[in-house]
Amino acid sequence: MRTLLVPVDGSKNALRAVRYAAAQSKYCPVTLHLVNVEPPFDDYGMVRAYITPRQHEAAVKKRAAGILARAIPHARLPRVRCRAHAVIGIAPAVIANLARRLRCDSIVMGTRGMTALGNLLLGSVATKVVHLAGVPVTLVK
């Protein structure tokens, strides 16, 4: 059984990555760990004047649950087991650490939308994950 970590942010590229990862089940059973990483509470500036950290956490969890709920149907195949994770933190570090902690065989993630000139470059999160991850990273456009 292969274990894959798939970061999802609600984008079309992320959903393509989920479908790609799930399709690996034609070779062997797969466990997909879908993760949505939301940014931490901005403790500086005016944010603190409007919401508390607890309110921020509740809003983030609600947003993450919606994103994960839209991604899960793309992973529904007979030999795919799917787990959803919502995490608050800095995305590249969280993704690399979660892959290590869950003992994933690899990370499958989408790249961001790019212009014609930008096709030579990866999104900043994808680039950082490639550098931080201790497992292979497959990028799906």
N, C-alpha and C. Protein backbone atom coordinates (compact mmCIF):
# COMPACT_ATOMS: atom_id res chain seq x y z
N MET A 1 0.85 -1.18 0.00
CA MET A 1 0.00 0.00 0.00
C MET A 1 0.89 1.24 0.00
N ARG A 2 0.59 2.17 -0.89
CA ARG A 2 1.32 3.43 -0.94
C ARG A 2 0.57 4.47 -0.12
N THR A 3 1.33 5.36 0.48
CA THR A 3 0.77 6.45 1.27
C THR A 3 1.24 7.76 0.66
N LEU A 4 0.28 8.57 0.21
CA LEU A 4 0.59 9.82 -0.47
C LEU A 4 -0.03 11.00 0.27
N LEU A 5 0.72 12.09 0.35
CA LEU A 5 0.21 13.34 0.92
C LEU A 5 -0.15 14.26 -0.23
N VAL A 6 -1.37 14.79 -0.21
CA VAL A 6 -1.83 15.66 -1.27
C VAL A 6 -2.35 16.97 -0.66
N PRO A 7 -1.56 18.06 -0.76
CA PRO A 7 -2.04 19.35 -0.28
C PRO A 7 -3.15 19.88 -1.19
N VAL A 8 -4.21 20.40 -0.61
CA VAL A 8 -5.31 20.96 -1.40
C VAL A 8 -5.62 22.37 -0.91
N ASP A 9 -5.84 23.25 -1.88
CA ASP A 9 -6.15 24.64 -1.55
C ASP A 9 -7.43 25.12 -2.24
N GLY A 10 -8.13 24.19 -2.88
CA GLY A 10 -9.37 24.56 -3.57
C GLY A 10 -9.16 24.89 -5.04
N SER A 11 -7.92 24.94 -5.50
CA SER A 11 -7.65 25.29 -6.89
C SER A 11 -7.89 24.10 -7.81
N LYS A 12 -8.05 24.38 -9.10
CA LYS A 12 -8.23 23.31 -10.09
C LYS A 12 -6.98 22.43 -10.15
N ASN A 13 -5.81 23.03 -10.03
CA ASN A 13 -4.58 22.24 -10.07
C ASN A 13 -4.51 21.28 -8.88
N ALA A 14 -4.95 21.72 -7.72
CA ALA A 14 -4.93 20.84 -6.54
C ALA A 14 -5.89 19.68 -6.73
N LEU A 15 -7.06 19.94 -7.32
CA LEU A 15 -8.02 18.86 -7.56
C LEU A 15 -7.50 17.88 -8.61
N ARG A 16 -6.77 18.39 -9.61
CA ARG A 16 -6.13 17.49 -10.57
C ARG A 16 -5.10 16.61 -9.87
N ALA A 17 -4.38 17.17 -8.91
CA ALA A 17 -3.40 16.40 -8.15
C ALA A 17 -4.09 15.29 -7.35
N VAL A 18 -5.25 15.59 -6.78
CA VAL A 18 -6.01 14.57 -6.03
C VAL A 18 -6.41 13.43 -6.97
N ARG A 19 -6.93 13.79 -8.15
CA ARG A 19 -7.33 12.76 -9.11
C ARG A 19 -6.13 11.93 -9.57
N TYR A 20 -5.01 12.59 -9.81
CA TYR A 20 -3.79 11.88 -10.22
C TYR A 20 -3.34 10.91 -9.13
N ALA A 21 -3.32 11.38 -7.89
CA ALA A 21 -2.89 10.53 -6.78
C ALA A 21 -3.83 9.35 -6.61
N ALA A 22 -5.13 9.60 -6.70
CA ALA A 22 -6.11 8.51 -6.55
C ALA A 22 -5.96 7.49 -7.68
N ALA A 23 -5.61 7.95 -8.87
CA ALA A 23 -5.46 7.05 -10.02
C ALA A 23 -4.31 6.07 -9.82
N GLN A 24 -3.41 6.36 -8.90
CA GLN A 24 -2.30 5.43 -8.62
C GLN A 24 -2.81 4.12 -8.03
N SER A 25 -4.08 4.11 -7.62
CA SER A 25 -4.66 2.90 -7.03
C SER A 25 -4.82 1.78 -8.06
N LYS A 26 -4.69 2.08 -9.34
CA LYS A 26 -4.77 1.00 -10.33
C LYS A 26 -3.53 0.10 -10.25
N TYR A 27 -2.47 0.58 -9.62
CA TYR A 27 -1.25 -0.22 -9.46
C TYR A 27 -1.20 -0.94 -8.12
N CYS A 28 -1.69 -0.29 -7.08
CA CYS A 28 -1.73 -0.90 -5.74
C CYS A 28 -2.67 -0.06 -4.87
N PRO A 29 -3.14 -0.60 -3.76
CA PRO A 29 -3.99 0.20 -2.87
C PRO A 29 -3.24 1.45 -2.39
N VAL A 30 -4.00 2.54 -2.20
CA VAL A 30 -3.41 3.83 -1.86
C VAL A 30 -4.14 4.44 -0.67
N THR A 31 -3.37 5.02 0.23
CA THR A 31 -3.93 5.89 1.27
C THR A 31 -3.56 7.31 0.92
N LEU A 32 -4.56 8.16 0.76
CA LEU A 32 -4.33 9.56 0.47
C LEU A 32 -4.58 10.38 1.74
N HIS A 33 -3.60 11.18 2.10
CA HIS A 33 -3.77 12.14 3.18
C HIS A 33 -3.95 13.50 2.52
N LEU A 34 -5.19 13.97 2.48
CA LEU A 34 -5.46 15.29 1.93
C LEU A 34 -5.25 16.31 3.04
N VAL A 35 -4.47 17.35 2.77
CA VAL A 35 -4.21 18.36 3.80
C VAL A 35 -4.47 19.75 3.25
N ASN A 36 -5.17 20.53 4.04
CA ASN A 36 -5.35 21.95 3.75
C ASN A 36 -4.61 22.71 4.83
N VAL A 37 -3.69 23.58 4.39
CA VAL A 37 -2.90 24.38 5.33
C VAL A 37 -3.35 25.83 5.23
N GLU A 38 -3.79 26.35 6.34
CA GLU A 38 -4.23 27.75 6.41
C GLU A 38 -3.18 28.57 7.16
N PRO A 39 -3.03 29.84 6.80
CA PRO A 39 -2.01 30.67 7.46
C PRO A 39 -2.31 30.91 8.93
N PRO A 40 -1.27 31.11 9.72
CA PRO A 40 -1.47 31.36 11.15
C PRO A 40 -2.10 32.74 11.39
N PHE A 41 -2.59 32.91 12.60
CA PHE A 41 -3.21 34.17 13.02
C PHE A 41 -2.18 35.29 12.95
N ASP A 42 -2.53 36.36 12.27
CA ASP A 42 -1.65 37.52 12.18
C ASP A 42 -1.79 38.32 13.47
N ASP A 43 -0.82 38.20 14.33
CA ASP A 43 -0.90 38.85 15.64
C ASP A 43 -0.50 40.32 15.61
N TYR A 44 -0.17 40.80 14.44
CA TYR A 44 0.27 42.18 14.31
C TYR A 44 -0.76 42.99 13.54
N GLY A 45 -0.61 44.28 13.56
CA GLY A 45 -1.52 45.13 12.80
C GLY A 45 -2.89 45.21 13.42
N MET A 46 -3.89 45.39 12.57
CA MET A 46 -5.25 45.64 13.02
C MET A 46 -6.10 44.38 13.18
N VAL A 47 -5.60 43.23 12.77
CA VAL A 47 -6.40 42.02 12.85
C VAL A 47 -6.87 41.76 14.27
N ARG A 48 -5.98 41.94 15.23
CA ARG A 48 -6.30 41.69 16.63
C ARG A 48 -7.47 42.55 17.12
N ALA A 49 -7.64 43.72 16.52
CA ALA A 49 -8.72 44.62 16.93
C ALA A 49 -10.10 44.10 16.52
N TYR A 50 -10.14 43.21 15.53
CA TYR A 50 -11.42 42.77 15.00
C TYR A 50 -11.82 41.34 15.38
N ILE A 51 -10.86 40.44 15.49
CA ILE A 51 -11.20 39.07 15.86
C ILE A 51 -10.17 38.52 16.85
N THR A 52 -10.64 37.58 17.62
CA THR A 52 -9.75 36.92 18.59
C THR A 52 -9.08 35.72 17.91
N PRO A 53 -8.00 35.22 18.49
CA PRO A 53 -7.38 34.01 17.93
C PRO A 53 -8.38 32.84 17.85
N ARG A 54 -9.25 32.72 18.82
CA ARG A 54 -10.25 31.64 18.81
C ARG A 54 -11.22 31.81 17.65
N GLN A 55 -11.65 33.03 17.38
CA GLN A 55 -12.54 33.28 16.24
C GLN A 55 -11.83 32.98 14.92
N HIS A 56 -10.56 33.35 14.85
CA HIS A 56 -9.76 33.07 13.66
C HIS A 56 -9.67 31.57 13.43
N GLU A 57 -9.38 30.82 14.48
CA GLU A 57 -9.25 29.37 14.36
C GLU A 57 -10.56 28.74 13.89
N ALA A 58 -11.67 29.21 14.42
CA ALA A 58 -12.97 28.68 14.01
C ALA A 58 -13.24 28.98 12.53
N ALA A 59 -12.93 30.18 12.10
CA ALA A 59 -13.14 30.55 10.69
C ALA A 59 -12.24 29.73 9.78
N VAL A 60 -11.00 29.53 10.20
CA VAL A 60 -10.04 28.76 9.40
C VAL A 60 -10.49 27.30 9.30
N LYS A 61 -10.94 26.73 10.39
CA LYS A 61 -11.40 25.34 10.37
C LYS A 61 -12.61 25.17 9.44
N LYS A 62 -13.51 26.15 9.45
CA LYS A 62 -14.68 26.10 8.59
C LYS A 62 -14.26 26.18 7.12
N ARG A 63 -13.34 27.08 6.81
CA ARG A 63 -12.84 27.22 5.44
C ARG A 63 -12.15 25.92 4.99
N ALA A 64 -11.29 25.38 5.85
CA ALA A 64 -10.55 24.16 5.52
C ALA A 64 -11.52 23.00 5.30
N ALA A 65 -12.52 22.88 6.14
CA ALA A 65 -13.50 21.79 6.00
C ALA A 65 -14.20 21.87 4.65
N GLY A 66 -14.53 23.07 4.21
CA GLY A 66 -15.17 23.23 2.90
C GLY A 66 -14.26 22.83 1.76
N ILE A 67 -13.00 23.23 1.83
CA ILE A 67 -12.03 22.88 0.79
C ILE A 67 -11.81 21.37 0.75
N LEU A 68 -11.65 20.77 1.90
CA LEU A 68 -11.44 19.31 1.97
C LEU A 68 -12.67 18.55 1.48
N ALA A 69 -13.86 19.05 1.83
CA ALA A 69 -15.11 18.39 1.41
C ALA A 69 -15.24 18.39 -0.11
N ARG A 70 -14.75 19.44 -0.77
CA ARG A 70 -14.80 19.49 -2.23
C ARG A 70 -13.75 18.58 -2.86
N ALA A 71 -12.66 18.30 -2.15
CA ALA A 71 -11.58 17.48 -2.70
C ALA A 71 -11.85 15.98 -2.53
N ILE A 72 -12.49 15.59 -1.46
CA ILE A 72 -12.67 14.16 -1.14
C ILE A 72 -13.38 13.38 -2.25
N PRO A 73 -14.43 13.92 -2.88
CA PRO A 73 -15.08 13.13 -3.95
C PRO A 73 -14.13 12.79 -5.10
N HIS A 74 -13.11 13.58 -5.34
CA HIS A 74 -12.15 13.31 -6.41
C HIS A 74 -11.24 12.14 -6.07
N ALA A 75 -11.23 11.73 -4.82
CA ALA A 75 -10.37 10.63 -4.36
C ALA A 75 -11.14 9.32 -4.20
N ARG A 76 -12.42 9.33 -4.50
CA ARG A 76 -13.24 8.14 -4.27
C ARG A 76 -13.08 7.12 -5.39
N LEU A 77 -12.20 6.19 -5.15
CA LEU A 77 -12.01 5.05 -6.04
C LEU A 77 -11.96 3.80 -5.18
N PRO A 78 -12.21 2.62 -5.75
CA PRO A 78 -12.30 1.40 -4.94
C PRO A 78 -11.11 1.10 -4.04
N ARG A 79 -9.89 1.31 -4.49
CA ARG A 79 -8.73 0.91 -3.68
C ARG A 79 -8.04 2.12 -3.04
N VAL A 80 -8.83 3.16 -2.77
CA VAL A 80 -8.27 4.38 -2.17
C VAL A 80 -8.90 4.62 -0.81
N ARG A 81 -8.05 4.75 0.19
CA ARG A 81 -8.49 5.16 1.53
C ARG A 81 -8.08 6.62 1.67
N CYS A 82 -8.99 7.45 2.15
CA CYS A 82 -8.75 8.89 2.19
C CYS A 82 -8.88 9.42 3.62
N ARG A 83 -7.91 10.23 4.02
CA ARG A 83 -7.93 10.91 5.32
C ARG A 83 -7.78 12.40 5.07
N ALA A 84 -8.50 13.22 5.81
CA ALA A 84 -8.45 14.67 5.64
C ALA A 84 -7.82 15.32 6.87
N HIS A 85 -6.98 16.31 6.63
CA HIS A 85 -6.29 17.03 7.70
C HIS A 85 -6.39 18.53 7.44
N ALA A 86 -6.75 19.27 8.46
CA ALA A 86 -6.74 20.73 8.39
C ALA A 86 -5.70 21.21 9.39
N VAL A 87 -4.74 22.01 8.91
CA VAL A 87 -3.63 22.45 9.74
C VAL A 87 -3.42 23.94 9.56
N ILE A 88 -3.08 24.61 10.66
CA ILE A 88 -2.73 26.03 10.61
C ILE A 88 -1.21 26.13 10.69
N GLY A 89 -0.61 26.86 9.77
CA GLY A 89 0.84 27.02 9.78
C GLY A 89 1.36 27.56 8.47
N ILE A 90 2.68 27.52 8.33
CA ILE A 90 3.34 27.95 7.11
C ILE A 90 3.35 26.75 6.16
N ALA A 91 2.68 26.86 5.03
CA ALA A 91 2.38 25.71 4.17
C ALA A 91 3.58 24.82 3.82
N PRO A 92 4.68 25.34 3.28
CA PRO A 92 5.75 24.41 2.88
C PRO A 92 6.29 23.58 4.03
N ALA A 93 6.52 24.20 5.17
CA ALA A 93 7.05 23.48 6.33
C ALA A 93 6.03 22.46 6.86
N VAL A 94 4.77 22.85 6.92
CA VAL A 94 3.73 21.94 7.40
C VAL A 94 3.62 20.73 6.49
N ILE A 95 3.64 20.95 5.18
CA ILE A 95 3.51 19.86 4.22
C ILE A 95 4.69 18.88 4.36
N ALA A 96 5.90 19.41 4.39
CA ALA A 96 7.09 18.54 4.51
C ALA A 96 7.09 17.78 5.83
N ASN A 97 6.75 18.47 6.92
CA ASN A 97 6.72 17.81 8.24
C ASN A 97 5.62 16.78 8.35
N LEU A 98 4.46 17.07 7.79
CA LEU A 98 3.35 16.12 7.84
C LEU A 98 3.66 14.87 7.03
N ALA A 99 4.30 15.04 5.88
CA ALA A 99 4.70 13.88 5.08
C ALA A 99 5.65 12.99 5.88
N ARG A 100 6.55 13.61 6.61
CA ARG A 100 7.50 12.85 7.43
C ARG A 100 6.77 12.15 8.57
N ARG A 101 5.92 12.89 9.26
CA ARG A 101 5.21 12.35 10.43
C ARG A 101 4.25 11.22 10.06
N LEU A 102 3.60 11.33 8.91
CA LEU A 102 2.65 10.31 8.47
C LEU A 102 3.33 9.18 7.70
N ARG A 103 4.65 9.29 7.55
CA ARG A 103 5.45 8.29 6.82
C ARG A 103 4.93 8.08 5.40
N CYS A 104 4.70 9.19 4.72
CA CYS A 104 4.22 9.13 3.35
C CYS A 104 5.35 8.72 2.41
N ASP A 105 4.99 7.99 1.37
CA ASP A 105 5.96 7.59 0.36
C ASP A 105 6.32 8.75 -0.56
N SER A 106 5.36 9.64 -0.79
CA SER A 106 5.62 10.81 -1.61
C SER A 106 4.53 11.86 -1.41
N ILE A 107 4.79 13.02 -1.99
CA ILE A 107 3.85 14.15 -1.97
C ILE A 107 3.42 14.39 -3.40
N VAL A 108 2.13 14.54 -3.62
CA VAL A 108 1.59 14.86 -4.94
C VAL A 108 0.85 16.18 -4.79
N MET A 109 1.30 17.20 -5.52
CA MET A 109 0.65 18.50 -5.35
C MET A 109 0.55 19.24 -6.67
N GLY A 110 -0.42 20.12 -6.73
CA GLY A 110 -0.59 20.95 -7.91
C GLY A 110 0.34 22.14 -7.86
N THR A 111 0.56 22.70 -9.06
CA THR A 111 1.31 23.94 -9.15
C THR A 111 0.28 25.05 -9.31
N ARG A 112 0.70 26.25 -9.09
CA ARG A 112 -0.26 27.35 -9.25
C ARG A 112 -0.38 27.71 -10.72
N GLY A 113 -1.41 28.49 -11.07
CA GLY A 113 -1.56 28.96 -12.44
C GLY A 113 -0.41 29.88 -12.81
N MET A 114 0.05 29.78 -14.05
CA MET A 114 1.22 30.55 -14.46
C MET A 114 0.97 31.24 -15.79
N THR A 115 1.70 32.31 -16.02
CA THR A 115 1.68 32.97 -17.31
C THR A 115 2.61 32.22 -18.25
N ALA A 116 2.62 32.59 -19.52
CA ALA A 116 3.49 31.91 -20.49
C ALA A 116 4.95 31.99 -20.07
N LEU A 117 5.41 33.15 -19.62
CA LEU A 117 6.79 33.30 -19.17
C LEU A 117 7.02 32.51 -17.89
N GLY A 118 6.02 32.48 -17.01
CA GLY A 118 6.16 31.80 -15.72
C GLY A 118 6.14 30.29 -15.80
N ASN A 119 5.86 29.71 -16.98
CA ASN A 119 5.84 28.26 -17.10
C ASN A 119 7.17 27.62 -16.76
N LEU A 120 8.23 28.40 -16.80
CA LEU A 120 9.55 27.86 -16.46
C LEU A 120 9.76 27.80 -14.96
N LEU A 121 8.92 28.48 -14.20
CA LEU A 121 9.07 28.55 -12.75
C LEU A 121 7.90 27.87 -12.07
N LEU A 122 8.15 27.36 -10.87
CA LEU A 122 7.09 26.75 -10.07
C LEU A 122 6.51 27.77 -9.12
N GLY A 123 5.35 27.47 -8.57
CA GLY A 123 4.80 28.31 -7.53
C GLY A 123 5.72 28.31 -6.32
N SER A 124 5.65 29.36 -5.52
CA SER A 124 6.58 29.47 -4.39
C SER A 124 6.39 28.35 -3.36
N VAL A 125 5.16 27.95 -3.09
CA VAL A 125 4.93 26.86 -2.14
C VAL A 125 5.50 25.55 -2.69
N ALA A 126 5.22 25.26 -3.95
CA ALA A 126 5.72 24.02 -4.56
C ALA A 126 7.25 24.01 -4.54
N THR A 127 7.86 25.12 -4.87
CA THR A 127 9.33 25.19 -4.88
C THR A 127 9.89 24.90 -3.49
N LYS A 128 9.31 25.50 -2.48
CA LYS A 128 9.80 25.30 -1.11
C LYS A 128 9.57 23.87 -0.64
N VAL A 129 8.43 23.27 -1.01
CA VAL A 129 8.16 21.89 -0.62
C VAL A 129 9.19 20.96 -1.25
N VAL A 130 9.52 21.18 -2.51
CA VAL A 130 10.53 20.35 -3.19
C VAL A 130 11.84 20.40 -2.41
N HIS A 131 12.21 21.57 -1.91
CA HIS A 131 13.47 21.71 -1.18
C HIS A 131 13.41 21.15 0.23
N LEU A 132 12.24 21.22 0.89
CA LEU A 132 12.12 20.79 2.28
C LEU A 132 11.78 19.31 2.45
N ALA A 133 11.10 18.75 1.47
CA ALA A 133 10.59 17.38 1.63
C ALA A 133 11.71 16.34 1.61
N GLY A 134 11.52 15.35 2.44
CA GLY A 134 12.44 14.22 2.48
C GLY A 134 11.97 13.05 1.64
N VAL A 135 10.88 13.25 0.88
CA VAL A 135 10.33 12.21 0.01
C VAL A 135 10.16 12.81 -1.39
N PRO A 136 9.98 11.96 -2.40
CA PRO A 136 9.76 12.49 -3.74
C PRO A 136 8.50 13.36 -3.81
N VAL A 137 8.55 14.39 -4.65
CA VAL A 137 7.42 15.29 -4.85
C VAL A 137 7.03 15.25 -6.31
N THR A 138 5.77 14.93 -6.58
CA THR A 138 5.25 14.95 -7.93
C THR A 138 4.38 16.19 -8.08
N LEU A 139 4.68 17.01 -9.10
CA LEU A 139 3.90 18.23 -9.34
C LEU A 139 2.96 18.00 -10.51
N VAL A 140 1.70 18.35 -10.31
CA VAL A 140 0.67 18.16 -11.33
C VAL A 140 0.16 19.52 -11.74
N LYS A 141 0.21 19.79 -13.03
CA LYS A 141 -0.27 21.09 -13.52
C LYS A 141 -1.68 20.96 -14.01
